[in-house]
Amino acid sequence: MRIVLVLPCCIGDVVLGTAVLTALRRAYPQAHIAWAVGEWSAQAVANHPHVDELIDTGRAALPLYNLTDFWRFVGKLRAGCYDLMVSLVRSPLMSLAALASGIPQRAGLDSGGRGFGYTHRARVDPHQVRHESEIYLETCRVLGLNTQNATPNVPLDAQARQQVRALLDERGLRRPYIVLNPGGGVNPGMTLSAKRYPIPWLAEIGLTLAQENNAALVLLGGPDDGALLEVLRSAIGCDWPMLSLAGRLSFPQIGALAYDSLLYLGNDSGLTHYASAIGAPTVMLLGPTDPRRYGPAGPNSLALWKPWQADARGVSAGVQNWDWECDGLRPEAALAELRAWLG
């Protein structure tokens, strides 16, 4: 049995898609499972024990927007001689690529009739608020697979854990520590920087918790977040044990850093979903996005959100009239929930 799972973008979506990966591996323990994933997101599942092969779909959110890329992708699907394709992409172009691939069994999301190319269509109501991982699992249910206890998951890498501990010891950073990640909202598929919790508020929450728990602070970001971490460091503004890590860590190391922390605190972003899926104590600060659809799905996670009238269709509908000052959860309210959760 040869299976290809298709979800190129983005990091958070790919992490949530690991619930489908779990259901597929449980149903087909001896199968060869490939994941067609973009360069931006591949690291999130590169070391997953259920994945036998990664198919590079390039840097774009969807490798189908011109004829050359479309047929190149279809060629990769044909060359794999797959028995089953499972698509978690809501796009008529992906549905057309599935049809052109010649793969005999094709399961995929069918939102608004866009799943015409699949033999097994998981019908999705875009106006029904459901968690993304649960929507993805519909592709397994239409195949008759057991989805019980299939949740987003990422393995903890023991070697990466040793490397991170050595790095913190080398920098003289004491434990316990709290991880603050101010980034997110930028990926090849969409830019939605409104998802970022205000830096002064994040600094207030982080420093208050660090002082109350005698914990150090680790400021975490991607390769392009160096300036953002400097703004956060300035906003914290006191001589407190602190380490800034912008683009220094691999995904397994980020997971290990989060796993051993007192708390990982971040926005609705791919890295926050990654930390949650690895089992780290994770708190996601949500603003214009609804946690019922996008909240962290890990066993040791908390979503902090001040309810507002978010569009039921999710981020695909855009964000209108959002303002953190008027609509966001302020630091004092967030701290009250955090203290109760941390015990």
C-alpha atoms as a PDB file:
ATOM      1  CA  MET A   1       0.000   0.000   0.000  1.00  0.00           C
ATOM      2  CA  ARG A   2       1.391   3.384  -1.030  1.00  0.00           C
ATOM      3  CA  ILE A   3      -0.258   6.497   0.378  1.00  0.00           C
ATOM      4  CA  VAL A   4       0.384  10.187  -0.288  1.00  0.00           C
ATOM      5  CA  LEU A   5      -0.894  12.795   2.158  1.00  0.00           C
ATOM      6  CA  VAL A   6      -1.135  16.266   0.605  1.00  0.00           C
ATOM      7  CA  LEU A   7      -0.911  19.440   2.697  1.00  0.00           C
ATOM      8  CA  PRO A   8       1.832  21.817   1.533  1.00  0.00           C
ATOM      9  CA  CYS A   9       1.227  24.803   3.822  1.00  0.00           C
ATOM     10  CA  CYS A  10       1.538  26.094   6.422  1.00  0.00           C
ATOM     11  CA  ILE A  11       3.366  25.087   9.615  1.00  0.00           C
ATOM     12  CA  GLY A  12       0.345  25.234  11.910  1.00  0.00           C
ATOM     13  CA  ASP A  13      -1.881  23.464   9.388  1.00  0.00           C
ATOM     14  CA  VAL A  14       0.744  20.777   8.816  1.00  0.00           C
ATOM     15  CA  VAL A  15       1.054  20.188  12.570  1.00  0.00           C
ATOM     16  CA  LEU A  16      -2.736  19.848  12.871  1.00  0.00           C
ATOM     17  CA  GLY A  17      -2.644  17.472   9.897  1.00  0.00           C
ATOM     18  CA  THR A  18      -0.583  14.993  11.917  1.00  0.00           C
ATOM     19  CA  ALA A  19      -3.895  13.814  13.394  1.00  0.00           C
ATOM     20  CA  VAL A  20      -4.710  12.396   9.936  1.00  0.00           C
ATOM     21  CA  LEU A  21      -1.231  10.911   9.721  1.00  0.00           C
ATOM     22  CA  THR A  22      -1.866   9.048  12.978  1.00  0.00           C
ATOM     23  CA  ALA A  23      -5.174   7.637  11.740  1.00  0.00           C
ATOM     24  CA  LEU A  24      -3.600   6.524   8.448  1.00  0.00           C
ATOM     25  CA  ARG A  25      -0.644   4.806  10.117  1.00  0.00           C
ATOM     26  CA  ARG A  26      -2.951   3.028  12.554  1.00  0.00           C
ATOM     27  CA  ALA A  27      -5.124   1.756   9.699  1.00  0.00           C
ATOM     28  CA  TYR A  28      -2.209   0.829   7.426  1.00  0.00           C
ATOM     29  CA  PRO A  29       0.757  -0.035   9.680  1.00  0.00           C
ATOM     30  CA  GLN A  30       2.831  -1.518   6.833  1.00  0.00           C
ATOM     31  CA  ALA A  31       2.078   1.170   4.251  1.00  0.00           C
ATOM     32  CA  HIS A  32       4.581   3.532   2.681  1.00  0.00           C
ATOM     33  CA  ILE A  33       3.284   7.004   3.603  1.00  0.00           C
ATOM     34  CA  ALA A  34       4.609  10.060   1.789  1.00  0.00           C
ATOM     35  CA  TRP A  35       3.723  13.650   2.667  1.00  0.00           C
ATOM     36  CA  ALA A  36       3.621  16.276  -0.088  1.00  0.00           C
ATOM     37  CA  VAL A  37       4.693  19.362   1.847  1.00  0.00           C
ATOM     38  CA  GLY A  38       6.213  22.745   1.083  1.00  0.00           C
ATOM     39  CA  GLU A  39       9.725  23.868   1.859  1.00  0.00           C
ATOM     40  CA  TRP A  40       8.358  26.333   4.429  1.00  0.00           C
ATOM     41  CA  SER A  41       6.676  23.629   6.518  1.00  0.00           C
ATOM     42  CA  ALA A  42       8.641  20.433   5.874  1.00  0.00           C
ATOM     43  CA  GLN A  43      10.721  20.675   9.059  1.00  0.00           C
ATOM     44  CA  ALA A  44       7.576  20.305  11.144  1.00  0.00           C
ATOM     45  CA  VAL A  45       7.179  16.671  10.059  1.00  0.00           C
ATOM     46  CA  ALA A  46      10.663  15.793   8.768  1.00  0.00           C
ATOM     47  CA  ASN A  47      11.392  13.605  11.793  1.00  0.00           C
ATOM     48  CA  HIS A  48       7.920  12.185  12.326  1.00  0.00           C
ATOM     49  CA  PRO A  49       8.074   8.394  12.767  1.00  0.00           C
ATOM     50  CA  HIS A  50       4.893   7.861  10.727  1.00  0.00           C
ATOM     51  CA  VAL A  51       6.319   9.555   7.606  1.00  0.00           C
ATOM     52  CA  ASP A  52       8.406   7.457   5.214  1.00  0.00           C
ATOM     53  CA  GLU A  53       9.033  10.124   2.580  1.00  0.00           C
ATOM     54  CA  LEU A  54       8.676  13.876   2.048  1.00  0.00           C
ATOM     55  CA  ILE A  55       7.726  15.179  -1.389  1.00  0.00           C
ATOM     56  CA  ASP A  56       8.958  18.745  -1.839  1.00  0.00           C
ATOM     57  CA  THR A  57       6.237  20.981  -3.277  1.00  0.00           C
ATOM     58  CA  GLY A  58       8.412  24.110  -3.306  1.00  0.00           C
ATOM     59  CA  ARG A  59       8.125  27.448  -1.521  1.00  0.00           C
ATOM     60  CA  ALA A  60       4.643  28.439  -2.680  1.00  0.00           C
ATOM     61  CA  ALA A  61       1.594  27.795  -0.518  1.00  0.00           C
ATOM     62  CA  LEU A  62       0.117  25.709  -3.329  1.00  0.00           C
ATOM     63  CA  PRO A  63       2.259  24.325  -6.183  1.00  0.00           C
ATOM     64  CA  LEU A  64      -0.498  24.642  -8.785  1.00  0.00           C
ATOM     65  CA  TYR A  65      -0.875  28.283  -9.753  1.00  0.00           C
ATOM     66  CA  ASN A  66       0.642  27.978 -13.231  1.00  0.00           C
ATOM     67  CA  LEU A  67       0.587  25.204 -15.823  1.00  0.00           C
ATOM     68  CA  THR A  68       4.247  24.332 -15.446  1.00  0.00           C
ATOM     69  CA  ASP A  69       3.997  23.860 -11.669  1.00  0.00           C
ATOM     70  CA  PHE A  70       0.653  22.098 -11.989  1.00  0.00           C
ATOM     71  CA  TRP A  71       1.964  19.405 -14.329  1.00  0.00           C
ATOM     72  CA  ARG A  72       5.219  19.101 -12.399  1.00  0.00           C
ATOM     73  CA  PHE A  73       3.209  18.295  -9.259  1.00  0.00           C
ATOM     74  CA  VAL A  74       0.913  15.916 -11.118  1.00  0.00           C
ATOM     75  CA  GLY A  75       4.011  14.200 -12.479  1.00  0.00           C
ATOM     76  CA  LYS A  76       5.299  13.630  -8.949  1.00  0.00           C
ATOM     77  CA  LEU A  77       1.967  12.089  -7.959  1.00  0.00           C
ATOM     78  CA  ARG A  78       2.002   9.801 -10.993  1.00  0.00           C
ATOM     79  CA  ALA A  79       5.625   8.799 -10.451  1.00  0.00           C
ATOM     80  CA  GLY A  80       4.856   7.659  -6.899  1.00  0.00           C
ATOM     81  CA  CYS A  81       2.509   4.891  -8.075  1.00  0.00           C
ATOM     82  CA  TYR A  82       0.249   5.594  -5.097  1.00  0.00           C
ATOM     83  CA  ASP A  83      -2.806   3.545  -4.206  1.00  0.00           C
ATOM     84  CA  LEU A  84      -4.399   6.244  -2.068  1.00  0.00           C
ATOM     85  CA  MET A  85      -4.229  10.049  -1.983  1.00  0.00           C
ATOM     86  CA  VAL A  86      -5.519  11.993   1.021  1.00  0.00           C
ATOM     87  CA  SER A  87      -5.802  15.727   0.387  1.00  0.00           C
ATOM     88  CA  LEU A  88      -6.340  18.259   3.174  1.00  0.00           C
ATOM     89  CA  VAL A  89      -6.390  21.181   0.734  1.00  0.00           C
ATOM     90  CA  ARG A  90      -9.590  23.114   0.013  1.00  0.00           C
ATOM     91  CA  SER A  91      -8.820  24.041  -3.572  1.00  0.00           C
ATOM     92  CA  PRO A  92     -10.406  23.147  -6.909  1.00  0.00           C
ATOM     93  CA  LEU A  93      -6.898  23.143  -8.398  1.00  0.00           C
ATOM     94  CA  MET A  94      -5.815  20.407  -5.987  1.00  0.00           C
ATOM     95  CA  SER A  95      -8.998  18.509  -6.799  1.00  0.00           C
ATOM     96  CA  LEU A  96      -8.141  18.774 -10.492  1.00  0.00           C
ATOM     97  CA  ALA A  97      -4.570  17.613  -9.812  1.00  0.00           C
ATOM     98  CA  ALA A  98      -5.942  14.594  -7.941  1.00  0.00           C
ATOM     99  CA  LEU A  99      -8.140  13.741 -10.895  1.00  0.00           C
ATOM    100  CA  ALA A 100      -5.195  14.057 -13.304  1.00  0.00           C
ATOM    101  CA  SER A 101      -2.898  11.964 -11.097  1.00  0.00           C
ATOM    102  CA  GLY A 102      -4.558   8.665 -11.927  1.00  0.00           C
ATOM    103  CA  ILE A 103      -4.379   7.549  -8.289  1.00  0.00           C
ATOM    104  CA  PRO A 104      -7.266   5.075  -7.934  1.00  0.00           C
ATOM    105  CA  GLN A 105      -8.479   6.074  -4.457  1.00  0.00           C
ATOM    106  CA  ARG A 106      -8.607   9.781  -3.643  1.00  0.00           C
ATOM    107  CA  ALA A 107     -10.031  11.220  -0.413  1.00  0.00           C
ATOM    108  CA  GLY A 108     -10.234  14.964   0.069  1.00  0.00           C
ATOM    109  CA  LEU A 109     -12.081  17.911   1.530  1.00  0.00           C
ATOM    110  CA  ASP A 110     -15.116  19.045  -0.429  1.00  0.00           C
ATOM    111  CA  SER A 111     -16.003  22.603   0.560  1.00  0.00           C
ATOM    112  CA  GLY A 112     -18.486  24.313  -1.720  1.00  0.00           C
ATOM    113  CA  GLY A 113     -18.162  21.664  -4.420  1.00  0.00           C
ATOM    114  CA  ARG A 114     -14.391  22.018  -4.744  1.00  0.00           C
ATOM    115  CA  GLY A 115     -13.779  18.305  -4.115  1.00  0.00           C
ATOM    116  CA  PHE A 116     -14.986  17.115  -7.522  1.00  0.00           C
ATOM    117  CA  GLY A 117     -11.718  15.253  -8.210  1.00  0.00           C
ATOM    118  CA  TYR A 118     -11.949  12.896  -5.240  1.00  0.00           C
ATOM    119  CA  THR A 119     -13.491   9.437  -5.153  1.00  0.00           C
ATOM    120  CA  HIS A 120     -14.225   9.913  -1.431  1.00  0.00           C
ATOM    121  CA  ARG A 121     -15.474  13.410  -0.654  1.00  0.00           C
ATOM    122  CA  ALA A 122     -15.402  14.744   2.909  1.00  0.00           C
ATOM    123  CA  ARG A 123     -18.068  17.398   2.768  1.00  0.00           C
ATOM    124  CA  VAL A 124     -17.255  20.507   4.775  1.00  0.00           C
ATOM    125  CA  ASP A 125     -19.636  23.308   5.727  1.00  0.00           C
ATOM    126  CA  PRO A 126     -17.432  26.433   5.709  1.00  0.00           C
ATOM    127  CA  HIS A 127     -19.888  28.237   8.008  1.00  0.00           C
ATOM    128  CA  GLN A 128     -19.766  25.583  10.738  1.00  0.00           C
ATOM    129  CA  VAL A 129     -17.176  26.363  13.393  1.00  0.00           C
ATOM    130  CA  ARG A 130     -15.104  23.226  13.967  1.00  0.00           C
ATOM    131  CA  HIS A 131     -11.481  22.687  14.870  1.00  0.00           C
ATOM    132  CA  GLU A 132      -9.252  22.361  11.820  1.00  0.00           C
ATOM    133  CA  SER A 133      -7.827  19.022  12.965  1.00  0.00           C
ATOM    134  CA  GLU A 134     -11.368  17.618  13.229  1.00  0.00           C
ATOM    135  CA  ILE A 135     -12.194  18.877   9.742  1.00  0.00           C
ATOM    136  CA  TYR A 136      -9.056  17.196   8.398  1.00  0.00           C
ATOM    137  CA  LEU A 137     -10.066  13.906  10.026  1.00  0.00           C
ATOM    138  CA  GLU A 138     -13.238  13.820   7.919  1.00  0.00           C
ATOM    139  CA  THR A 139     -11.032  12.592   5.061  1.00  0.00           C
ATOM    140  CA  CYS A 140     -10.298   9.480   7.126  1.00  0.00           C
ATOM    141  CA  ARG A 141     -13.893   8.990   8.175  1.00  0.00           C
ATOM    142  CA  VAL A 142     -15.140   8.885   4.579  1.00  0.00           C
ATOM    143  CA  LEU A 143     -12.602   6.077   4.070  1.00  0.00           C
ATOM    144  CA  GLY A 144     -14.124   4.227   7.021  1.00  0.00           C
ATOM    145  CA  LEU A 145     -11.040   4.626   9.227  1.00  0.00           C
ATOM    146  CA  ASN A 146     -11.035   4.832  13.006  1.00  0.00           C
ATOM    147  CA  THR A 147     -10.227   8.388  14.107  1.00  0.00           C
ATOM    148  CA  GLN A 148     -10.674   7.896  17.847  1.00  0.00           C
ATOM    149  CA  ASN A 149      -7.828   9.528  19.815  1.00  0.00           C
ATOM    150  CA  ALA A 150      -6.182  10.694  16.585  1.00  0.00           C
ATOM    151  CA  THR A 151      -4.830  14.075  17.649  1.00  0.00           C
ATOM    152  CA  PRO A 152      -2.071  16.387  16.409  1.00  0.00           C
ATOM    153  CA  ASN A 153       1.274  15.049  17.597  1.00  0.00           C
ATOM    154  CA  VAL A 154       4.979  15.650  17.109  1.00  0.00           C
ATOM    155  CA  PRO A 155       7.704  13.400  18.587  1.00  0.00           C
ATOM    156  CA  LEU A 156      10.152  14.725  21.166  1.00  0.00           C
ATOM    157  CA  ASP A 157      13.723  14.308  19.936  1.00  0.00           C
ATOM    158  CA  ALA A 158      16.050  13.099  22.726  1.00  0.00           C
ATOM    159  CA  GLN A 159      19.197  14.306  20.987  1.00  0.00           C
ATOM    160  CA  ALA A 160      17.718  17.745  20.372  1.00  0.00           C
ATOM    161  CA  ARG A 161      16.766  17.898  24.046  1.00  0.00           C
ATOM    162  CA  GLN A 162      20.374  17.288  25.074  1.00  0.00           C
ATOM    163  CA  GLN A 163      21.575  19.932  22.609  1.00  0.00           C
ATOM    164  CA  VAL A 164      19.198  22.553  23.964  1.00  0.00           C
ATOM    165  CA  ARG A 165      20.128  21.808  27.556  1.00  0.00           C
ATOM    166  CA  ALA A 166      23.804  22.142  26.633  1.00  0.00           C
ATOM    167  CA  LEU A 167      23.127  25.474  24.915  1.00  0.00           C
ATOM    168  CA  LEU A 168      21.284  26.869  27.941  1.00  0.00           C
ATOM    169  CA  ASP A 169      24.056  25.685  30.270  1.00  0.00           C
ATOM    170  CA  GLU A 170      26.672  27.235  27.991  1.00  0.00           C
ATOM    171  CA  ARG A 171      24.826  30.568  28.121  1.00  0.00           C
ATOM    172  CA  GLY A 172      24.466  30.313  31.886  1.00  0.00           C
ATOM    173  CA  LEU A 173      20.683  30.420  31.717  1.00  0.00           C
ATOM    174  CA  ARG A 174      19.052  29.045  34.797  1.00  0.00           C
ATOM    175  CA  ARG A 175      16.012  26.835  34.907  1.00  0.00           C
ATOM    176  CA  PRO A 176      13.059  27.080  35.160  1.00  0.00           C
ATOM    177  CA  TYR A 177      12.474  29.319  32.165  1.00  0.00           C
ATOM    178  CA  ILE A 178       9.549  30.746  30.221  1.00  0.00           C
ATOM    179  CA  VAL A 179       9.560  30.903  26.425  1.00  0.00           C
ATOM    180  CA  LEU A 180       8.070  33.992  24.748  1.00  0.00           C
ATOM    181  CA  ASN A 181       7.435  33.938  21.006  1.00  0.00           C
ATOM    182  CA  PRO A 182       6.087  37.265  19.669  1.00  0.00           C
ATOM    183  CA  GLY A 183       6.023  36.208  15.979  1.00  0.00           C
ATOM    184  CA  GLY A 184       3.625  34.496  13.638  1.00  0.00           C
ATOM    185  CA  GLY A 185       0.994  35.543  11.172  1.00  0.00           C
ATOM    186  CA  VAL A 186       3.349  35.479   8.165  1.00  0.00           C
ATOM    187  CA  ASN A 187       3.611  32.515   5.794  1.00  0.00           C
ATOM    188  CA  PRO A 188       3.558  31.841   2.040  1.00  0.00           C
ATOM    189  CA  GLY A 189      -0.218  31.480   2.049  1.00  0.00           C
ATOM    190  CA  MET A 190      -1.197  34.602   3.981  1.00  0.00           C
ATOM    191  CA  THR A 191       0.050  37.572   5.963  1.00  0.00           C
ATOM    192  CA  LEU A 192      -2.090  38.326   9.007  1.00  0.00           C
ATOM    193  CA  SER A 193       0.079  40.225  11.460  1.00  0.00           C
ATOM    194  CA  ALA A 194      -3.072  41.213  13.377  1.00  0.00           C
ATOM    195  CA  LYS A 195      -2.742  37.809  15.065  1.00  0.00           C
ATOM    196  CA  ARG A 196       0.304  39.075  16.979  1.00  0.00           C
ATOM    197  CA  TYR A 197      -0.380  39.972  20.594  1.00  0.00           C
ATOM    198  CA  PRO A 198       0.866  43.518  21.342  1.00  0.00           C
ATOM    199  CA  ILE A 199       4.545  43.458  22.303  1.00  0.00           C
ATOM    200  CA  PRO A 200       4.152  45.670  25.445  1.00  0.00           C
ATOM    201  CA  TRP A 201       1.383  43.375  26.707  1.00  0.00           C
ATOM    202  CA  LEU A 202       3.425  40.234  26.035  1.00  0.00           C
ATOM    203  CA  ALA A 203       6.404  41.797  27.835  1.00  0.00           C
ATOM    204  CA  GLU A 204       4.246  42.612  30.860  1.00  0.00           C
ATOM    205  CA  ILE A 205       2.848  39.087  31.078  1.00  0.00           C
ATOM    206  CA  GLY A 206       6.234  37.428  30.544  1.00  0.00           C
ATOM    207  CA  LEU A 207       8.128  39.508  33.090  1.00  0.00           C
ATOM    208  CA  THR A 208       5.363  39.234  35.707  1.00  0.00           C
ATOM    209  CA  LEU A 209       5.267  35.434  35.434  1.00  0.00           C
ATOM    210  CA  ALA A 210       9.068  35.236  35.429  1.00  0.00           C
ATOM    211  CA  GLN A 211       9.298  37.280  38.629  1.00  0.00           C
ATOM    212  CA  GLU A 212       6.510  35.346  40.345  1.00  0.00           C
ATOM    213  CA  ASN A 213       8.090  31.993  39.468  1.00  0.00           C
ATOM    214  CA  ASN A 214      11.774  33.012  39.695  1.00  0.00           C
ATOM    215  CA  ALA A 215      12.163  31.913  36.083  1.00  0.00           C
ATOM    216  CA  ALA A 216      14.405  33.123  33.284  1.00  0.00           C
ATOM    217  CA  LEU A 217      13.036  34.285  29.942  1.00  0.00           C
ATOM    218  CA  VAL A 218      13.871  32.818  26.537  1.00  0.00           C
ATOM    219  CA  LEU A 219      12.819  34.963  23.579  1.00  0.00           C
ATOM    220  CA  LEU A 220      12.181  32.761  20.563  1.00  0.00           C
ATOM    221  CA  GLY A 221      11.747  33.605  16.894  1.00  0.00           C
ATOM    222  CA  GLY A 222      12.486  32.549  13.357  1.00  0.00           C
ATOM    223  CA  PRO A 223      15.397  33.641  11.145  1.00  0.00           C
ATOM    224  CA  ASP A 224      13.639  36.924  10.265  1.00  0.00           C
ATOM    225  CA  ASP A 225      12.531  37.784  13.803  1.00  0.00           C
ATOM    226  CA  GLY A 226      15.745  39.254  15.209  1.00  0.00           C
ATOM    227  CA  ALA A 227      14.446  42.836  15.180  1.00  0.00           C
ATOM    228  CA  LEU A 228      11.134  41.709  16.669  1.00  0.00           C
ATOM    229  CA  LEU A 229      12.905  40.027  19.586  1.00  0.00           C
ATOM    230  CA  GLU A 230      14.929  43.178  20.196  1.00  0.00           C
ATOM    231  CA  VAL A 231      11.696  45.157  20.470  1.00  0.00           C
ATOM    232  CA  LEU A 232      10.418  42.610  22.983  1.00  0.00           C
ATOM    233  CA  ARG A 233      13.667  42.736  24.943  1.00  0.00           C
ATOM    234  CA  SER A 234      13.433  46.534  25.116  1.00  0.00           C
ATOM    235  CA  ALA A 235       9.803  46.356  26.214  1.00  0.00           C
ATOM    236  CA  ILE A 236      10.730  43.997  29.076  1.00  0.00           C
ATOM    237  CA  GLY A 237      13.238  46.662  29.964  1.00  0.00           C
ATOM    238  CA  CYS A 238      14.945  45.403  33.110  1.00  0.00           C
ATOM    239  CA  ASP A 239      18.000  43.403  34.081  1.00  0.00           C
ATOM    240  CA  TRP A 240      16.352  40.005  34.224  1.00  0.00           C
ATOM    241  CA  PRO A 241      17.962  36.686  33.150  1.00  0.00           C
ATOM    242  CA  MET A 242      17.116  36.514  29.470  1.00  0.00           C
ATOM    243  CA  LEU A 243      18.279  34.783  26.285  1.00  0.00           C
ATOM    244  CA  SER A 244      17.302  35.698  22.732  1.00  0.00           C
ATOM    245  CA  LEU A 245      17.186  32.931  20.110  1.00  0.00           C
ATOM    246  CA  ALA A 246      16.228  34.153  16.635  1.00  0.00           C
ATOM    247  CA  GLY A 247      16.708  31.514  13.962  1.00  0.00           C
ATOM    248  CA  ARG A 248      19.191  29.584  16.090  1.00  0.00           C
ATOM    249  CA  LEU A 249      17.247  26.364  16.612  1.00  0.00           C
ATOM    250  CA  SER A 250      15.960  23.557  14.414  1.00  0.00           C
ATOM    251  CA  PHE A 251      12.351  22.439  14.774  1.00  0.00           C
ATOM    252  CA  PRO A 252      13.263  19.460  17.000  1.00  0.00           C
ATOM    253  CA  GLN A 253      15.294  21.831  19.185  1.00  0.00           C
ATOM    254  CA  ILE A 254      12.404  24.298  19.382  1.00  0.00           C
ATOM    255  CA  GLY A 255      10.178  21.446  20.483  1.00  0.00           C
ATOM    256  CA  ALA A 256      12.687  20.370  23.128  1.00  0.00           C
ATOM    257  CA  LEU A 257      13.091  23.953  24.371  1.00  0.00           C
ATOM    258  CA  ALA A 258       9.319  24.269  24.748  1.00  0.00           C
ATOM    259  CA  TYR A 259       8.920  20.826  26.301  1.00  0.00           C
ATOM    260  CA  ASP A 260      11.355  21.547  29.140  1.00  0.00           C
ATOM    261  CA  SER A 261      10.015  25.043  29.823  1.00  0.00           C
ATOM    262  CA  LEU A 262       7.805  26.161  32.663  1.00  0.00           C
ATOM    263  CA  LEU A 263       5.612  27.698  29.969  1.00  0.00           C
ATOM    264  CA  TYR A 264       5.633  28.407  26.236  1.00  0.00           C
ATOM    265  CA  LEU A 265       3.668  31.576  25.471  1.00  0.00           C
ATOM    266  CA  GLY A 266       2.946  32.518  21.854  1.00  0.00           C
ATOM    267  CA  ASN A 267       0.437  33.707  19.289  1.00  0.00           C
ATOM    268  CA  ASP A 268      -1.778  31.696  16.968  1.00  0.00           C
ATOM    269  CA  SER A 269       1.220  30.561  14.929  1.00  0.00           C
ATOM    270  CA  GLY A 270       2.843  27.453  13.549  1.00  0.00           C
ATOM    271  CA  LEU A 271       5.502  27.264  16.257  1.00  0.00           C
ATOM    272  CA  THR A 272       2.875  27.512  19.003  1.00  0.00           C
ATOM    273  CA  HIS A 273       0.949  24.624  17.441  1.00  0.00           C
ATOM    274  CA  TYR A 274       4.230  22.725  17.189  1.00  0.00           C
ATOM    275  CA  ALA A 275       4.988  23.263  20.887  1.00  0.00           C
ATOM    276  CA  SER A 276       1.480  22.156  21.814  1.00  0.00           C
ATOM    277  CA  ALA A 277       1.639  19.014  19.667  1.00  0.00           C
ATOM    278  CA  ILE A 278       4.911  17.938  21.275  1.00  0.00           C
ATOM    279  CA  GLY A 279       3.252  18.061  24.704  1.00  0.00           C
ATOM    280  CA  ALA A 280       4.887  21.236  26.009  1.00  0.00           C
ATOM    281  CA  PRO A 281       2.995  23.425  28.522  1.00  0.00           C
ATOM    282  CA  THR A 282       1.643  25.782  25.887  1.00  0.00           C
ATOM    283  CA  VAL A 283      -0.476  28.921  26.085  1.00  0.00           C
ATOM    284  CA  MET A 284      -1.772  30.474  22.879  1.00  0.00           C
ATOM    285  CA  LEU A 285      -2.812  34.124  22.865  1.00  0.00           C
ATOM    286  CA  LEU A 286      -5.579  34.513  20.295  1.00  0.00           C
ATOM    287  CA  GLY A 287      -7.112  37.706  18.988  1.00  0.00           C
ATOM    288  CA  PRO A 288      -9.020  37.792  15.700  1.00  0.00           C
ATOM    289  CA  THR A 289      -8.923  33.995  15.282  1.00  0.00           C
ATOM    290  CA  ASP A 290     -11.347  31.693  17.063  1.00  0.00           C
ATOM    291  CA  PRO A 291      -9.819  29.000  19.339  1.00  0.00           C
ATOM    292  CA  ARG A 292     -12.720  26.690  18.531  1.00  0.00           C
ATOM    293  CA  ARG A 293     -11.213  26.468  15.060  1.00  0.00           C
ATOM    294  CA  TYR A 294      -7.521  27.306  15.563  1.00  0.00           C
ATOM    295  CA  GLY A 295      -6.741  26.723  19.236  1.00  0.00           C
ATOM    296  CA  PRO A 296      -3.866  24.495  20.433  1.00  0.00           C
ATOM    297  CA  ALA A 297      -4.815  20.821  20.371  1.00  0.00           C
ATOM    298  CA  GLY A 298      -2.129  19.360  22.633  1.00  0.00           C
ATOM    299  CA  PRO A 299      -2.858  17.699  25.985  1.00  0.00           C
ATOM    300  CA  ASN A 300      -1.139  20.403  28.044  1.00  0.00           C
ATOM    301  CA  SER A 301      -2.402  23.552  26.356  1.00  0.00           C
ATOM    302  CA  LEU A 302      -4.498  26.616  27.108  1.00  0.00           C
ATOM    303  CA  ALA A 303      -6.131  29.066  24.699  1.00  0.00           C
ATOM    304  CA  LEU A 304      -6.533  32.634  25.963  1.00  0.00           C
ATOM    305  CA  TRP A 305      -9.139  34.628  24.082  1.00  0.00           C
ATOM    306  CA  LYS A 306     -11.612  37.413  24.645  1.00  0.00           C
ATOM    307  CA  PRO A 307     -14.633  36.240  22.627  1.00  0.00           C
ATOM    308  CA  TRP A 308     -15.680  38.425  19.770  1.00  0.00           C
ATOM    309  CA  GLN A 309     -17.768  37.963  16.626  1.00  0.00           C
ATOM    310  CA  ALA A 310     -15.154  36.205  14.492  1.00  0.00           C
ATOM    311  CA  ASP A 311     -16.226  35.138  11.016  1.00  0.00           C
ATOM    312  CA  ALA A 312     -17.326  31.493  11.137  1.00  0.00           C
ATOM    313  CA  ARG A 313     -15.418  30.813   7.895  1.00  0.00           C
ATOM    314  CA  GLY A 314     -12.096  31.444   9.639  1.00  0.00           C
ATOM    315  CA  VAL A 315      -9.077  33.340   8.330  1.00  0.00           C
ATOM    316  CA  SER A 316     -10.029  32.638   4.706  1.00  0.00           C
ATOM    317  CA  ALA A 317     -12.698  35.322   5.139  1.00  0.00           C
ATOM    318  CA  GLY A 318     -10.115  37.868   6.300  1.00  0.00           C
ATOM    319  CA  VAL A 319     -10.224  39.994   9.450  1.00  0.00           C
ATOM    320  CA  GLN A 320     -12.393  43.095   9.556  1.00  0.00           C
ATOM    321  CA  ASN A 321     -12.583  45.802  12.229  1.00  0.00           C
ATOM    322  CA  TRP A 322     -10.178  44.098  14.629  1.00  0.00           C
ATOM    323  CA  ASP A 323      -8.402  46.202  17.260  1.00  0.00           C
ATOM    324  CA  TRP A 324      -6.379  44.775  20.148  1.00  0.00           C
ATOM    325  CA  GLU A 325      -7.076  47.788  22.388  1.00  0.00           C
ATOM    326  CA  CYS A 326     -10.828  47.386  22.069  1.00  0.00           C
ATOM    327  CA  ASP A 327     -11.247  43.683  21.357  1.00  0.00           C
ATOM    328  CA  GLY A 328      -8.192  41.874  22.757  1.00  0.00           C
ATOM    329  CA  LEU A 329      -7.608  40.122  26.066  1.00  0.00           C
ATOM    330  CA  ARG A 330      -5.629  42.561  28.213  1.00  0.00           C
ATOM    331  CA  PRO A 331      -2.618  41.480  30.322  1.00  0.00           C
ATOM    332  CA  GLU A 332      -4.384  41.616  33.684  1.00  0.00           C
ATOM    333  CA  ALA A 333      -7.114  39.259  32.481  1.00  0.00           C
ATOM    334  CA  ALA A 334      -4.602  36.965  30.795  1.00  0.00           C
ATOM    335  CA  LEU A 335      -2.472  36.809  33.940  1.00  0.00           C
ATOM    336  CA  ALA A 336      -5.453  35.832  36.071  1.00  0.00           C
ATOM    337  CA  GLU A 337      -6.198  32.866  33.790  1.00  0.00           C
ATOM    338  CA  LEU A 338      -2.531  31.933  33.564  1.00  0.00           C
ATOM    339  CA  ARG A 339      -2.028  31.888  37.320  1.00  0.00           C
ATOM    340  CA  ALA A 340      -5.053  29.628  37.761  1.00  0.00           C
ATOM    341  CA  TRP A 341      -3.851  27.294  34.997  1.00  0.00           C
ATOM    342  CA  LEU A 342      -0.301  27.099  36.326  1.00  0.00           C
ATOM    343  CA  GLY A 343      -1.579  26.471  39.830  1.00  0.00           C
END
